[in-house]
Amino acid sequence: MESHPDVVLMPAAFLIVERSGNEPWTPGSSLHATAHDARRTLVFALTWMQPRTRGLIPCDAETDKHVGKGKQSAWGSSSKMLSDLKKTLASGSG
């Protein structure tokens, strides 16, 4: 770095973006430290949050109904977070 002593190396950050029709790309999430964290956010949004916020399934729908018997979904270990989100959606605030 002797040729460019004022260069600052910045860590990578990952962001989910979305686009609707011919509209420009817009941020769909906050920044994430890893690509895996961004993927987990996308999975949660597409499999849990969006279906409920769009009214496609009820807010109190069983979380792991689609997962085979004896298996746990990626979000099964986050039951408190899901419970809090259900309460928020049911109350209409947030």
C-alpha atoms as a PDB file:
ATOM      1  CA  MET A   1       0.000   0.000   0.000  1.00  0.00           C
ATOM      2  CA  GLU A   2       2.978   2.311  -0.350  1.00  0.00           C
ATOM      3  CA  SER A   3       1.718   3.620  -3.686  1.00  0.00           C
ATOM      4  CA  HIS A   4      -1.692   4.613  -2.149  1.00  0.00           C
ATOM      5  CA  PRO A   5      -1.130   5.361   1.553  1.00  0.00           C
ATOM      6  CA  ASP A   6      -4.548   7.025   2.043  1.00  0.00           C
ATOM      7  CA  VAL A   7      -6.599   4.023   0.898  1.00  0.00           C
ATOM      8  CA  VAL A   8      -8.965   2.624   3.489  1.00  0.00           C
ATOM      9  CA  LEU A   9     -10.111  -0.967   3.152  1.00  0.00           C
ATOM     10  CA  MET A  10     -13.790  -1.340   4.001  1.00  0.00           C
ATOM     11  CA  PRO A  11     -15.487  -4.586   4.998  1.00  0.00           C
ATOM     12  CA  ALA A  12     -18.025  -6.087   2.624  1.00  0.00           C
ATOM     13  CA  ALA A  13     -21.718  -5.671   3.372  1.00  0.00           C
ATOM     14  CA  PHE A  14     -24.672  -7.476   1.843  1.00  0.00           C
ATOM     15  CA  LEU A  15     -28.108  -6.099   1.046  1.00  0.00           C
ATOM     16  CA  ILE A  16     -31.266  -7.565  -0.432  1.00  0.00           C
ATOM     17  CA  VAL A  17     -32.713  -5.481  -3.256  1.00  0.00           C
ATOM     18  CA  GLU A  18     -36.066  -5.759  -4.985  1.00  0.00           C
ATOM     19  CA  ARG A  19     -37.647  -4.541  -8.165  1.00  0.00           C
ATOM     20  CA  SER A  20     -41.262  -4.269  -9.234  1.00  0.00           C
ATOM     21  CA  GLY A  21     -42.082  -4.073 -12.942  1.00  0.00           C
ATOM     22  CA  ASN A  22     -40.044  -1.382 -14.678  1.00  0.00           C
ATOM     23  CA  GLU A  23     -39.277   0.464 -11.444  1.00  0.00           C
ATOM     24  CA  PRO A  24     -35.643   0.878 -10.349  1.00  0.00           C
ATOM     25  CA  TRP A  25     -34.046  -1.484  -7.835  1.00  0.00           C
ATOM     26  CA  THR A  26     -34.722  -0.507  -4.213  1.00  0.00           C
ATOM     27  CA  PRO A  27     -33.303  -1.775  -0.890  1.00  0.00           C
ATOM     28  CA  GLY A  28     -35.353  -4.641   0.510  1.00  0.00           C
ATOM     29  CA  SER A  29     -33.480  -5.069   3.774  1.00  0.00           C
ATOM     30  CA  SER A  30     -30.880  -3.529   6.004  1.00  0.00           C
ATOM     31  CA  LEU A  31     -27.171  -4.273   5.608  1.00  0.00           C
ATOM     32  CA  HIS A  32     -25.868  -7.696   6.640  1.00  0.00           C
ATOM     33  CA  ALA A  33     -22.327  -8.677   7.579  1.00  0.00           C
ATOM     34  CA  THR A  34     -22.422 -11.957   5.632  1.00  0.00           C
ATOM     35  CA  ALA A  35     -24.135 -13.279   2.532  1.00  0.00           C
ATOM     36  CA  HIS A  36     -25.605 -16.055   4.688  1.00  0.00           C
ATOM     37  CA  ASP A  37     -27.335 -13.510   6.941  1.00  0.00           C
ATOM     38  CA  ALA A  38     -28.807 -11.796   3.879  1.00  0.00           C
ATOM     39  CA  ARG A  39     -30.057 -15.161   2.548  1.00  0.00           C
ATOM     40  CA  ARG A  40     -31.668 -16.006   5.902  1.00  0.00           C
ATOM     41  CA  THR A  41     -33.460 -12.660   5.868  1.00  0.00           C
ATOM     42  CA  LEU A  42     -34.702 -13.315   2.341  1.00  0.00           C
ATOM     43  CA  VAL A  43     -35.924 -16.812   3.261  1.00  0.00           C
ATOM     44  CA  PHE A  44     -37.779 -15.437   6.268  1.00  0.00           C
ATOM     45  CA  ALA A  45     -39.347 -12.630   4.248  1.00  0.00           C
ATOM     46  CA  LEU A  46     -40.519 -14.936   1.468  1.00  0.00           C
ATOM     47  CA  THR A  47     -41.688 -17.872   3.584  1.00  0.00           C
ATOM     48  CA  TRP A  48     -43.074 -16.201   6.707  1.00  0.00           C
ATOM     49  CA  MET A  49     -43.452 -12.434   6.684  1.00  0.00           C
ATOM     50  CA  GLN A  50     -44.685 -11.634   3.161  1.00  0.00           C
ATOM     51  CA  PRO A  51     -47.435 -14.274   3.036  1.00  0.00           C
ATOM     52  CA  ARG A  52     -48.846 -12.896   6.290  1.00  0.00           C
ATOM     53  CA  THR A  53     -48.476  -9.185   5.561  1.00  0.00           C
ATOM     54  CA  ARG A  54     -50.114  -9.666   2.136  1.00  0.00           C
ATOM     55  CA  GLY A  55     -53.015 -11.575   3.685  1.00  0.00           C
ATOM     56  CA  LEU A  56     -52.231 -14.809   1.825  1.00  0.00           C
ATOM     57  CA  ILE A  57     -52.282 -16.811   5.058  1.00  0.00           C
ATOM     58  CA  PRO A  58     -53.503 -15.868   8.543  1.00  0.00           C
ATOM     59  CA  CYS A  59     -51.045 -14.305  10.990  1.00  0.00           C
ATOM     60  CA  ASP A  60     -51.588 -17.150  13.444  1.00  0.00           C
ATOM     61  CA  ALA A  61     -50.962 -19.883  10.846  1.00  0.00           C
ATOM     62  CA  GLU A  62     -48.850 -22.780  12.045  1.00  0.00           C
ATOM     63  CA  THR A  63     -45.212 -21.926  11.368  1.00  0.00           C
ATOM     64  CA  ASP A  64     -43.834 -25.358  10.507  1.00  0.00           C
ATOM     65  CA  LYS A  65     -46.916 -26.905   8.860  1.00  0.00           C
ATOM     66  CA  HIS A  66     -45.057 -27.330   5.566  1.00  0.00           C
ATOM     67  CA  VAL A  67     -42.102 -29.127   7.193  1.00  0.00           C
ATOM     68  CA  GLY A  68     -42.143 -32.930   7.300  1.00  0.00           C
ATOM     69  CA  LYS A  69     -42.806 -34.789  10.546  1.00  0.00           C
ATOM     70  CA  GLY A  70     -39.747 -34.989  12.773  1.00  0.00           C
ATOM     71  CA  LYS A  71     -37.984 -32.145  10.986  1.00  0.00           C
ATOM     72  CA  GLN A  72     -37.516 -28.528  11.956  1.00  0.00           C
ATOM     73  CA  SER A  73     -37.699 -25.539   9.638  1.00  0.00           C
ATOM     74  CA  ALA A  74     -34.925 -22.967   9.444  1.00  0.00           C
ATOM     75  CA  TRP A  75     -37.060 -20.731  11.668  1.00  0.00           C
ATOM     76  CA  GLY A  76     -38.186 -23.350  14.191  1.00  0.00           C
ATOM     77  CA  SER A  77     -35.515 -22.267  16.656  1.00  0.00           C
ATOM     78  CA  SER A  78     -36.742 -18.682  16.473  1.00  0.00           C
ATOM     79  CA  SER A  79     -40.150 -19.282  18.034  1.00  0.00           C
ATOM     80  CA  LYS A  80     -39.955 -16.250  20.346  1.00  0.00           C
ATOM     81  CA  MET A  81     -39.163 -13.940  17.416  1.00  0.00           C
ATOM     82  CA  LEU A  82     -42.046 -15.427  15.443  1.00  0.00           C
ATOM     83  CA  SER A  83     -44.386 -15.086  18.399  1.00  0.00           C
ATOM     84  CA  ASP A  84     -43.472 -11.414  18.799  1.00  0.00           C
ATOM     85  CA  LEU A  85     -44.005 -10.805  15.080  1.00  0.00           C
ATOM     86  CA  LYS A  86     -47.415 -12.503  15.203  1.00  0.00           C
ATOM     87  CA  LYS A  87     -48.454 -10.260  18.084  1.00  0.00           C
ATOM     88  CA  THR A  88     -47.258  -7.166  16.211  1.00  0.00           C
ATOM     89  CA  LEU A  89     -49.112  -8.131  13.032  1.00  0.00           C
ATOM     90  CA  ALA A  90     -52.280  -9.042  14.946  1.00  0.00           C
ATOM     91  CA  SER A  91     -52.280  -5.711  16.789  1.00  0.00           C
ATOM     92  CA  GLY A  92     -51.886  -3.793  13.523  1.00  0.00           C
ATOM     93  CA  SER A  93     -48.876  -1.810  14.755  1.00  0.00           C
ATOM     94  CA  GLY A  94     -45.392  -1.928  13.337  1.00  0.00           C
END
